[in-house]
All heavy atoms as atom14 arrays in JSON, in Angstrom:
{
  "sequence": "TVGEPDDVRELTDGALLELAGLKLTVDHAPGHTKGSVTFRTPAAQ",
  "atom14_mask": [
    [1, 1, 1, 1, 1, 1, 1, 0, 0, 0, 0, 0, 0, 0],
    [1, 1, 1, 1, 1, 1, 1, 0, 0, 0, 0, 0, 0, 0],
    [1, 1, 1, 1, 0, 0, 0, 0, 0, 0, 0, 0, 0, 0],
    [1, 1, 1, 1, 1, 1, 1, 1, 1, 0, 0, 0, 0, 0],
    [1, 1, 1, 1, 1, 1, 1, 0, 0, 0, 0, 0, 0, 0],
    [1, 1, 1, 1, 1, 1, 1, 1, 0, 0, 0, 0, 0, 0],
    [1, 1, 1, 1, 1, 1, 1, 1, 0, 0, 0, 0, 0, 0],
    [1, 1, 1, 1, 1, 1, 1, 0, 0, 0, 0, 0, 0, 0],
    [1, 1, 1, 1, 1, 1, 1, 1, 1, 1, 1, 0, 0, 0],
    [1, 1, 1, 1, 1, 1, 1, 1, 1, 0, 0, 0, 0, 0],
    [1, 1, 1, 1, 1, 1, 1, 1, 0, 0, 0, 0, 0, 0],
    [1, 1, 1, 1, 1, 1, 1, 0, 0, 0, 0, 0, 0, 0],
    [1, 1, 1, 1, 1, 1, 1, 1, 0, 0, 0, 0, 0, 0],
    [1, 1, 1, 1, 0, 0, 0, 0, 0, 0, 0, 0, 0, 0],
    [1, 1, 1, 1, 1, 0, 0, 0, 0, 0, 0, 0, 0, 0],
    [1, 1, 1, 1, 1, 1, 1, 1, 0, 0, 0, 0, 0, 0],
    [1, 1, 1, 1, 1, 1, 1, 1, 0, 0, 0, 0, 0, 0],
    [1, 1, 1, 1, 1, 1, 1, 1, 1, 0, 0, 0, 0, 0],
    [1, 1, 1, 1, 1, 1, 1, 1, 0, 0, 0, 0, 0, 0],
    [1, 1, 1, 1, 1, 0, 0, 0, 0, 0, 0, 0, 0, 0],
    [1, 1, 1, 1, 0, 0, 0, 0, 0, 0, 0, 0, 0, 0],
    [1, 1, 1, 1, 1, 1, 1, 1, 0, 0, 0, 0, 0, 0],
    [1, 1, 1, 1, 1, 1, 1, 1, 1, 0, 0, 0, 0, 0],
    [1, 1, 1, 1, 1, 1, 1, 1, 0, 0, 0, 0, 0, 0],
    [1, 1, 1, 1, 1, 1, 1, 0, 0, 0, 0, 0, 0, 0],
    [1, 1, 1, 1, 1, 1, 1, 0, 0, 0, 0, 0, 0, 0],
    [1, 1, 1, 1, 1, 1, 1, 1, 0, 0, 0, 0, 0, 0],
    [1, 1, 1, 1, 1, 1, 1, 1, 1, 1, 0, 0, 0, 0],
    [1, 1, 1, 1, 1, 0, 0, 0, 0, 0, 0, 0, 0, 0],
    [1, 1, 1, 1, 1, 1, 1, 0, 0, 0, 0, 0, 0, 0],
    [1, 1, 1, 1, 0, 0, 0, 0, 0, 0, 0, 0, 0, 0],
    [1, 1, 1, 1, 1, 1, 1, 1, 1, 1, 0, 0, 0, 0],
    [1, 1, 1, 1, 1, 1, 1, 0, 0, 0, 0, 0, 0, 0],
    [1, 1, 1, 1, 1, 1, 1, 1, 1, 0, 0, 0, 0, 0],
    [1, 1, 1, 1, 0, 0, 0, 0, 0, 0, 0, 0, 0, 0],
    [1, 1, 1, 1, 1, 1, 0, 0, 0, 0, 0, 0, 0, 0],
    [1, 1, 1, 1, 1, 1, 1, 0, 0, 0, 0, 0, 0, 0],
    [1, 1, 1, 1, 1, 1, 1, 0, 0, 0, 0, 0, 0, 0],
    [1, 1, 1, 1, 1, 1, 1, 1, 1, 1, 1, 0, 0, 0],
    [1, 1, 1, 1, 1, 1, 1, 1, 1, 1, 1, 0, 0, 0],
    [1, 1, 1, 1, 1, 1, 1, 0, 0, 0, 0, 0, 0, 0],
    [1, 1, 1, 1, 1, 1, 1, 0, 0, 0, 0, 0, 0, 0],
    [1, 1, 1, 1, 1, 0, 0, 0, 0, 0, 0, 0, 0, 0],
    [1, 1, 1, 1, 1, 0, 0, 0, 0, 0, 0, 0, 0, 0],
    [1, 1, 1, 1, 1, 1, 1, 1, 1, 0, 0, 0, 0, 0]
  ],
  "atom14_positions": [
    [[65.51, 78.26, 100.57], [65.18, 78.87, 99.29], [65.66, 80.32, 99.31], [65.38, 81.05, 100.26], [63.66, 78.84, 99.05], [63.23, 77.49, 99.07], [63.32, 79.47, 97.71], [0.0, 0.0, 0.0], [0.0, 0.0, 0.0], [0.0, 0.0, 0.0], [0.0, 0.0, 0.0], [0.0, 0.0, 0.0], [0.0, 0.0, 0.0], [0.0, 0.0, 0.0]],
    [[66.4, 80.72, 98.29], [67.01, 82.04, 98.3], [66.59, 82.82, 97.05], [66.04, 82.28, 96.1], [68.54, 81.95, 98.37], [68.98, 81.28, 99.65], [69.09, 81.2, 97.15], [0.0, 0.0, 0.0], [0.0, 0.0, 0.0], [0.0, 0.0, 0.0], [0.0, 0.0, 0.0], [0.0, 0.0, 0.0], [0.0, 0.0, 0.0], [0.0, 0.0, 0.0]],
    [[66.88, 84.09, 97.06], [66.57, 84.95, 95.92], [66.34, 86.37, 96.38], [66.32, 86.67, 97.58], [0.0, 0.0, 0.0], [0.0, 0.0, 0.0], [0.0, 0.0, 0.0], [0.0, 0.0, 0.0], [0.0, 0.0, 0.0], [0.0, 0.0, 0.0], [0.0, 0.0, 0.0], [0.0, 0.0, 0.0], [0.0, 0.0, 0.0], [0.0, 0.0, 0.0]],
    [[66.16, 87.27, 95.4], [65.88, 88.66, 95.7], [64.37, 88.91, 95.7], [63.64, 88.31, 94.91], [66.5, 89.58, 94.64], [67.99, 89.75, 94.75], [68.48, 90.93, 93.91], [67.65, 91.57, 93.23], [69.69, 91.19, 93.94], [0.0, 0.0, 0.0], [0.0, 0.0, 0.0], [0.0, 0.0, 0.0], [0.0, 0.0, 0.0], [0.0, 0.0, 0.0]],
    [[63.9, 89.82, 96.56], [62.51, 90.26, 96.43], [62.34, 91.09, 95.16], [63.32, 91.45, 94.5], [62.3, 91.09, 97.7], [63.66, 91.55, 98.09], [64.6, 90.46, 97.67], [0.0, 0.0, 0.0], [0.0, 0.0, 0.0], [0.0, 0.0, 0.0], [0.0, 0.0, 0.0], [0.0, 0.0, 0.0], [0.0, 0.0, 0.0], [0.0, 0.0, 0.0]],
    [[61.12, 91.43, 94.83], [60.85, 92.16, 93.6], [61.47, 93.55, 93.58], [61.87, 94.05, 92.53], [59.34, 92.28, 93.37], [58.7, 90.93, 93.06], [59.41, 90.02, 92.6], [57.48, 90.79, 93.31], [0.0, 0.0, 0.0], [0.0, 0.0, 0.0], [0.0, 0.0, 0.0], [0.0, 0.0, 0.0], [0.0, 0.0, 0.0], [0.0, 0.0, 0.0]],
    [[61.55, 94.19, 94.74], [62.01, 95.58, 94.82], [63.2, 95.66, 95.77], [63.04, 95.51, 96.99], [60.87, 96.48, 95.31], [61.19, 97.97, 95.24], [62.34, 98.32, 94.95], [60.27, 98.78, 95.47], [0.0, 0.0, 0.0], [0.0, 0.0, 0.0], [0.0, 0.0, 0.0], [0.0, 0.0, 0.0], [0.0, 0.0, 0.0], [0.0, 0.0, 0.0]],
    [[64.4, 95.85, 95.21], [65.62, 95.97, 96.01], [66.21, 97.36, 95.8], [66.38, 97.81, 94.66], [66.66, 94.9, 95.63], [67.93, 95.08, 96.46], [66.1, 93.5, 95.83], [0.0, 0.0, 0.0], [0.0, 0.0, 0.0], [0.0, 0.0, 0.0], [0.0, 0.0, 0.0], [0.0, 0.0, 0.0], [0.0, 0.0, 0.0], [0.0, 0.0, 0.0]],
    [[66.53, 98.03, 96.89], [67.12, 99.37, 96.83], [68.45, 99.36, 97.58], [68.61, 98.63, 98.56], [66.15, 100.4, 97.41], [64.79, 100.33, 96.72], [63.8, 101.34, 97.23], [62.48, 101.09, 96.65], [61.42, 101.86, 96.85], [61.52, 102.95, 97.61], [60.26, 101.55, 96.29], [0.0, 0.0, 0.0], [0.0, 0.0, 0.0], [0.0, 0.0, 0.0]],
    [[69.39, 100.15, 97.1], [70.76, 100.07, 97.61], [71.08, 101.21, 98.58], [70.7, 102.37, 98.34], [71.74, 100.04, 96.44], [71.57, 98.78, 95.59], [72.63, 98.62, 94.52], [73.35, 99.61, 94.22], [72.75, 97.51, 93.96], [0.0, 0.0, 0.0], [0.0, 0.0, 0.0], [0.0, 0.0, 0.0], [0.0, 0.0, 0.0], [0.0, 0.0, 0.0]],
    [[71.76, 100.85, 99.64], [72.15, 101.78, 100.69], [73.51, 102.41, 100.39], [74.38, 101.76, 99.82], [72.22, 101.06, 102.03], [70.92, 100.42, 102.53], [71.22, 99.43, 103.66], [69.94, 101.5, 103.0], [0.0, 0.0, 0.0], [0.0, 0.0, 0.0], [0.0, 0.0, 0.0], [0.0, 0.0, 0.0], [0.0, 0.0, 0.0], [0.0, 0.0, 0.0]],
    [[73.69, 103.65, 100.83], [74.97, 104.32, 100.71], [75.4, 104.87, 102.06], [74.56, 105.2, 102.91], [74.9, 105.47, 99.69], [73.88, 106.4, 100.09], [74.6, 104.94, 98.3], [0.0, 0.0, 0.0], [0.0, 0.0, 0.0], [0.0, 0.0, 0.0], [0.0, 0.0, 0.0], [0.0, 0.0, 0.0], [0.0, 0.0, 0.0], [0.0, 0.0, 0.0]],
    [[76.7, 104.98, 102.25], [77.25, 105.48, 103.51], [76.78, 106.91, 103.76], [76.84, 107.77, 102.89], [78.78, 105.44, 103.45], [79.42, 105.86, 104.75], [78.94, 105.43, 105.82], [80.41, 106.63, 104.71], [0.0, 0.0, 0.0], [0.0, 0.0, 0.0], [0.0, 0.0, 0.0], [0.0, 0.0, 0.0], [0.0, 0.0, 0.0], [0.0, 0.0, 0.0]],
    [[76.29, 107.15, 104.98], [75.86, 108.48, 105.36], [74.46, 108.85, 104.94], [73.98, 109.95, 105.25], [0.0, 0.0, 0.0], [0.0, 0.0, 0.0], [0.0, 0.0, 0.0], [0.0, 0.0, 0.0], [0.0, 0.0, 0.0], [0.0, 0.0, 0.0], [0.0, 0.0, 0.0], [0.0, 0.0, 0.0], [0.0, 0.0, 0.0], [0.0, 0.0, 0.0]],
    [[73.77, 107.95, 104.23], [72.41, 108.26, 103.77], [71.47, 108.42, 104.97], [71.6, 107.73, 105.99], [71.89, 107.16, 102.86], [0.0, 0.0, 0.0], [0.0, 0.0, 0.0], [0.0, 0.0, 0.0], [0.0, 0.0, 0.0], [0.0, 0.0, 0.0], [0.0, 0.0, 0.0], [0.0, 0.0, 0.0], [0.0, 0.0, 0.0], [0.0, 0.0, 0.0]],
    [[70.53, 109.33, 104.84], [69.47, 109.49, 105.83], [68.18, 108.93, 105.24], [67.65, 109.46, 104.26], [69.29, 110.95, 106.2], [68.15, 111.24, 107.2], [68.41, 110.55, 108.54], [67.96, 112.74, 107.38], [0.0, 0.0, 0.0], [0.0, 0.0, 0.0], [0.0, 0.0, 0.0], [0.0, 0.0, 0.0], [0.0, 0.0, 0.0], [0.0, 0.0, 0.0]],
    [[67.7, 107.85, 105.83], [66.45, 107.24, 105.4], [65.32, 107.8, 106.25], [65.37, 107.74, 107.48], [66.5, 105.72, 105.55], [67.6, 104.97, 104.8], [67.5, 103.48, 105.09], [67.54, 105.25, 103.31], [0.0, 0.0, 0.0], [0.0, 0.0, 0.0], [0.0, 0.0, 0.0], [0.0, 0.0, 0.0], [0.0, 0.0, 0.0], [0.0, 0.0, 0.0]],
    [[64.31, 108.33, 105.6], [63.12, 108.8, 106.3], [61.98, 107.87, 105.92], [61.38, 107.98, 104.86], [62.82, 110.26, 105.94], [63.96, 111.18, 106.37], [63.61, 112.65, 106.3], [62.5, 113.02, 106.77], [64.41, 113.42, 105.77], [0.0, 0.0, 0.0], [0.0, 0.0, 0.0], [0.0, 0.0, 0.0], [0.0, 0.0, 0.0], [0.0, 0.0, 0.0]],
    [[61.73, 106.92, 106.79], [60.77, 105.85, 106.54], [59.89, 105.66, 107.77], [60.39, 105.65, 108.9], [61.5, 104.53, 106.24], [62.42, 104.5, 105.01], [63.3, 103.25, 105.07], [61.59, 104.51, 103.74], [0.0, 0.0, 0.0], [0.0, 0.0, 0.0], [0.0, 0.0, 0.0], [0.0, 0.0, 0.0], [0.0, 0.0, 0.0], [0.0, 0.0, 0.0]],
    [[58.61, 105.47, 107.56], [57.68, 105.16, 108.65], [57.73, 106.2, 109.76], [57.54, 105.88, 110.93], [57.97, 103.77, 109.22], [0.0, 0.0, 0.0], [0.0, 0.0, 0.0], [0.0, 0.0, 0.0], [0.0, 0.0, 0.0], [0.0, 0.0, 0.0], [0.0, 0.0, 0.0], [0.0, 0.0, 0.0], [0.0, 0.0, 0.0], [0.0, 0.0, 0.0]],
    [[57.98, 107.45, 109.42], [58.07, 108.49, 110.43], [59.34, 108.44, 111.25], [59.45, 109.14, 112.27], [0.0, 0.0, 0.0], [0.0, 0.0, 0.0], [0.0, 0.0, 0.0], [0.0, 0.0, 0.0], [0.0, 0.0, 0.0], [0.0, 0.0, 0.0], [0.0, 0.0, 0.0], [0.0, 0.0, 0.0], [0.0, 0.0, 0.0], [0.0, 0.0, 0.0]],
    [[60.31, 107.64, 110.82], [61.59, 107.51, 111.49], [62.69, 108.15, 110.65], [62.59, 108.21, 109.43], [61.94, 106.03, 111.71], [60.92, 105.18, 112.46], [61.25, 103.71, 112.28], [60.91, 105.54, 113.94], [0.0, 0.0, 0.0], [0.0, 0.0, 0.0], [0.0, 0.0, 0.0], [0.0, 0.0, 0.0], [0.0, 0.0, 0.0], [0.0, 0.0, 0.0]],
    [[63.76, 108.58, 111.32], [64.96, 109.03, 110.64], [66.09, 108.08, 111.02], [66.43, 107.95, 112.21], [65.3, 110.47, 111.03], [64.29, 111.48, 110.53], [64.71, 112.91, 110.84], [63.72, 113.91, 110.28], [64.11, 115.32, 110.58], [0.0, 0.0, 0.0], [0.0, 0.0, 0.0], [0.0, 0.0, 0.0], [0.0, 0.0, 0.0], [0.0, 0.0, 0.0]],
    [[66.65, 107.41, 110.03], [67.68, 106.4, 110.25], [68.9, 106.75, 109.41], [68.81, 106.84, 108.18], [67.17, 105.02, 109.87], [65.98, 104.51, 110.69], [65.09, 103.62, 109.84], [66.48, 103.74, 111.9], [0.0, 0.0, 0.0], [0.0, 0.0, 0.0], [0.0, 0.0, 0.0], [0.0, 0.0, 0.0], [0.0, 0.0, 0.0], [0.0, 0.0, 0.0]],
    [[70.04, 106.94, 110.08], [71.28, 107.22, 109.37], [72.0, 105.92, 109.09], [72.15, 105.07, 109.98], [72.18, 108.15, 110.19], [71.5, 109.39, 110.39], [73.5, 108.41, 109.47], [0.0, 0.0, 0.0], [0.0, 0.0, 0.0], [0.0, 0.0, 0.0], [0.0, 0.0, 0.0], [0.0, 0.0, 0.0], [0.0, 0.0, 0.0], [0.0, 0.0, 0.0]],
    [[72.45, 105.75, 107.86], [73.17, 104.55, 107.42], [74.66, 104.81, 107.54], [75.16, 105.82, 107.03], [72.82, 104.21, 105.96], [73.58, 102.97, 105.51], [71.32, 104.03, 105.79], [0.0, 0.0, 0.0], [0.0, 0.0, 0.0], [0.0, 0.0, 0.0], [0.0, 0.0, 0.0], [0.0, 0.0, 0.0], [0.0, 0.0, 0.0], [0.0, 0.0, 0.0]],
    [[75.38, 103.9, 108.19], [76.84, 103.96, 108.22], [77.4, 102.67, 107.65], [77.12, 101.58, 108.17], [77.35, 104.16, 109.66], [77.09, 105.56, 110.16], [77.57, 106.53, 109.53], [76.4, 105.7, 111.19], [0.0, 0.0, 0.0], [0.0, 0.0, 0.0], [0.0, 0.0, 0.0], [0.0, 0.0, 0.0], [0.0, 0.0, 0.0], [0.0, 0.0, 0.0]],
    [[78.18, 102.78, 106.58], [78.86, 101.62, 106.03], [79.92, 101.17, 107.04], [80.72, 101.98, 107.52], [79.52, 102.01, 104.7], [80.13, 100.87, 103.97], [81.2, 101.02, 103.12], [79.83, 99.54, 103.95], [81.52, 99.85, 102.61], [80.71, 98.93, 103.1], [0.0, 0.0, 0.0], [0.0, 0.0, 0.0], [0.0, 0.0, 0.0], [0.0, 0.0, 0.0]],
    [[79.91, 99.89, 107.39], [80.77, 99.38, 108.45], [81.38, 98.04, 108.04], [81.08, 96.99, 108.62], [79.98, 99.23, 109.75], [0.0, 0.0, 0.0], [0.0, 0.0, 0.0], [0.0, 0.0, 0.0], [0.0, 0.0, 0.0], [0.0, 0.0, 0.0], [0.0, 0.0, 0.0], [0.0, 0.0, 0.0], [0.0, 0.0, 0.0], [0.0, 0.0, 0.0]],
    [[82.25, 98.03, 107.02], [82.81, 96.76, 106.54], [83.7, 96.1, 107.58], [84.19, 96.73, 108.5], [83.61, 97.19, 105.31], [83.93, 98.64, 105.54], [82.76, 99.19, 106.28], [0.0, 0.0, 0.0], [0.0, 0.0, 0.0], [0.0, 0.0, 0.0], [0.0, 0.0, 0.0], [0.0, 0.0, 0.0], [0.0, 0.0, 0.0], [0.0, 0.0, 0.0]],
    [[83.88, 94.8, 107.38], [84.71, 94.01, 108.29], [84.12, 92.64, 108.49], [84.77, 91.62, 108.25], [0.0, 0.0, 0.0], [0.0, 0.0, 0.0], [0.0, 0.0, 0.0], [0.0, 0.0, 0.0], [0.0, 0.0, 0.0], [0.0, 0.0, 0.0], [0.0, 0.0, 0.0], [0.0, 0.0, 0.0], [0.0, 0.0, 0.0], [0.0, 0.0, 0.0]],
    [[82.87, 92.58, 108.94], [82.17, 91.3, 109.02], [81.86, 90.82, 107.6], [82.05, 89.65, 107.26], [80.9, 91.46, 109.84], [80.09, 90.22, 109.98], [80.57, 89.07, 110.58], [78.82, 89.93, 109.58], [79.64, 88.13, 110.55], [78.57, 88.63, 109.94], [0.0, 0.0, 0.0], [0.0, 0.0, 0.0], [0.0, 0.0, 0.0], [0.0, 0.0, 0.0]],
    [[81.33, 91.71, 106.79], [81.22, 91.54, 105.35], [81.63, 92.86, 104.71], [81.7, 93.89, 105.38], [79.79, 91.19, 104.89], [78.94, 92.32, 105.14], [79.24, 89.97, 105.61], [0.0, 0.0, 0.0], [0.0, 0.0, 0.0], [0.0, 0.0, 0.0], [0.0, 0.0, 0.0], [0.0, 0.0, 0.0], [0.0, 0.0, 0.0], [0.0, 0.0, 0.0]],
    [[81.83, 92.86, 103.4], [82.22, 94.1, 102.73], [81.08, 95.12, 102.72], [81.33, 96.32, 102.7], [82.66, 93.79, 101.29], [83.98, 93.05, 101.2], [84.39, 92.85, 99.75], [85.74, 92.15, 99.67], [86.16, 91.94, 98.25], [0.0, 0.0, 0.0], [0.0, 0.0, 0.0], [0.0, 0.0, 0.0], [0.0, 0.0, 0.0], [0.0, 0.0, 0.0]],
    [[79.84, 94.64, 102.72], [78.7, 95.54, 102.65], [77.94, 95.7, 103.95], [76.78, 96.13, 103.93], [0.0, 0.0, 0.0], [0.0, 0.0, 0.0], [0.0, 0.0, 0.0], [0.0, 0.0, 0.0], [0.0, 0.0, 0.0], [0.0, 0.0, 0.0], [0.0, 0.0, 0.0], [0.0, 0.0, 0.0], [0.0, 0.0, 0.0], [0.0, 0.0, 0.0]],
    [[78.54, 95.38, 105.08], [77.86, 95.57, 106.36], [77.56, 97.05, 106.61], [78.37, 97.93, 106.29], [78.73, 95.04, 107.51], [78.8, 93.65, 107.52], [0.0, 0.0, 0.0], [0.0, 0.0, 0.0], [0.0, 0.0, 0.0], [0.0, 0.0, 0.0], [0.0, 0.0, 0.0], [0.0, 0.0, 0.0], [0.0, 0.0, 0.0], [0.0, 0.0, 0.0]],
    [[76.39, 97.31, 107.17], [76.0, 98.66, 107.55], [75.37, 98.62, 108.93], [74.97, 97.56, 109.43], [75.0, 99.3, 106.56], [75.57, 99.36, 105.16], [73.66, 98.56, 106.57], [0.0, 0.0, 0.0], [0.0, 0.0, 0.0], [0.0, 0.0, 0.0], [0.0, 0.0, 0.0], [0.0, 0.0, 0.0], [0.0, 0.0, 0.0], [0.0, 0.0, 0.0]],
    [[75.28, 99.8, 109.54], [74.48, 99.97, 110.75], [73.42, 101.03, 110.46], [73.54, 101.83, 109.52], [75.33, 100.42, 111.95], [75.88, 101.72, 111.69], [76.46, 99.43, 112.22], [0.0, 0.0, 0.0], [0.0, 0.0, 0.0], [0.0, 0.0, 0.0], [0.0, 0.0, 0.0], [0.0, 0.0, 0.0], [0.0, 0.0, 0.0], [0.0, 0.0, 0.0]],
    [[72.38, 101.02, 111.28], [71.33, 102.03, 111.21], [71.22, 102.67, 112.59], [71.14, 101.97, 113.6], [69.98, 101.41, 110.85], [69.98, 100.64, 109.56], [70.07, 99.25, 109.56], [69.92, 101.29, 108.33], [70.08, 98.53, 108.36], [69.94, 100.59, 107.14], [70.01, 99.21, 107.15], [0.0, 0.0, 0.0], [0.0, 0.0, 0.0], [0.0, 0.0, 0.0]],
    [[71.22, 104.01, 112.64], [71.11, 104.67, 113.94], [70.05, 105.76, 113.9], [69.84, 106.43, 112.9], [72.45, 105.25, 114.39], [73.13, 106.18, 113.42], [74.52, 106.59, 113.92], [75.29, 107.23, 112.87], [75.3, 108.54, 112.63], [74.57, 109.34, 113.38], [76.03, 109.05, 111.65], [0.0, 0.0, 0.0], [0.0, 0.0, 0.0], [0.0, 0.0, 0.0]],
    [[69.36, 105.86, 115.03], [68.33, 106.88, 115.19], [68.88, 108.01, 116.05], [69.75, 107.78, 116.9], [67.08, 106.31, 115.85], [67.37, 105.97, 117.22], [66.59, 105.06, 115.12], [0.0, 0.0, 0.0], [0.0, 0.0, 0.0], [0.0, 0.0, 0.0], [0.0, 0.0, 0.0], [0.0, 0.0, 0.0], [0.0, 0.0, 0.0], [0.0, 0.0, 0.0]],
    [[68.39, 109.22, 115.87], [68.84, 110.33, 116.73], [68.18, 110.26, 118.1], [67.17, 109.58, 118.29], [68.38, 111.57, 115.96], [67.16, 111.1, 115.22], [67.42, 109.66, 114.85], [0.0, 0.0, 0.0], [0.0, 0.0, 0.0], [0.0, 0.0, 0.0], [0.0, 0.0, 0.0], [0.0, 0.0, 0.0], [0.0, 0.0, 0.0], [0.0, 0.0, 0.0]],
    [[68.79, 110.96, 119.04], [68.15, 111.1, 120.35], [66.89, 111.94, 120.21], [66.8, 112.82, 119.36], [69.12, 111.74, 121.33], [0.0, 0.0, 0.0], [0.0, 0.0, 0.0], [0.0, 0.0, 0.0], [0.0, 0.0, 0.0], [0.0, 0.0, 0.0], [0.0, 0.0, 0.0], [0.0, 0.0, 0.0], [0.0, 0.0, 0.0], [0.0, 0.0, 0.0]],
    [[65.91, 111.63, 121.03], [64.68, 112.42, 121.09], [64.37, 112.67, 122.55], [65.05, 112.16, 123.44], [63.54, 111.68, 120.4], [0.0, 0.0, 0.0], [0.0, 0.0, 0.0], [0.0, 0.0, 0.0], [0.0, 0.0, 0.0], [0.0, 0.0, 0.0], [0.0, 0.0, 0.0], [0.0, 0.0, 0.0], [0.0, 0.0, 0.0], [0.0, 0.0, 0.0]],
    [[63.35, 113.46, 122.82], [63.01, 113.79, 124.19], [62.74, 112.52, 125.0], [61.85, 111.75, 124.66], [61.79, 114.71, 124.23], [61.45, 115.2, 125.63], [60.3, 116.19, 125.61], [59.69, 116.43, 124.58], [60.01, 116.78, 126.77], [0.0, 0.0, 0.0], [0.0, 0.0, 0.0], [0.0, 0.0, 0.0], [0.0, 0.0, 0.0], [0.0, 0.0, 0.0]]
  ]
}
């Protein structure tokens, strides 16, 4: 069974998501699909 959830938000290349006390940088990484992305966290102590 497929479909969208009620609340869908769109990612952009280079965006910094600050969620749940985390900082996640979005990198658009096409190739596997056109809209593939990665999420990376910064180094911490």
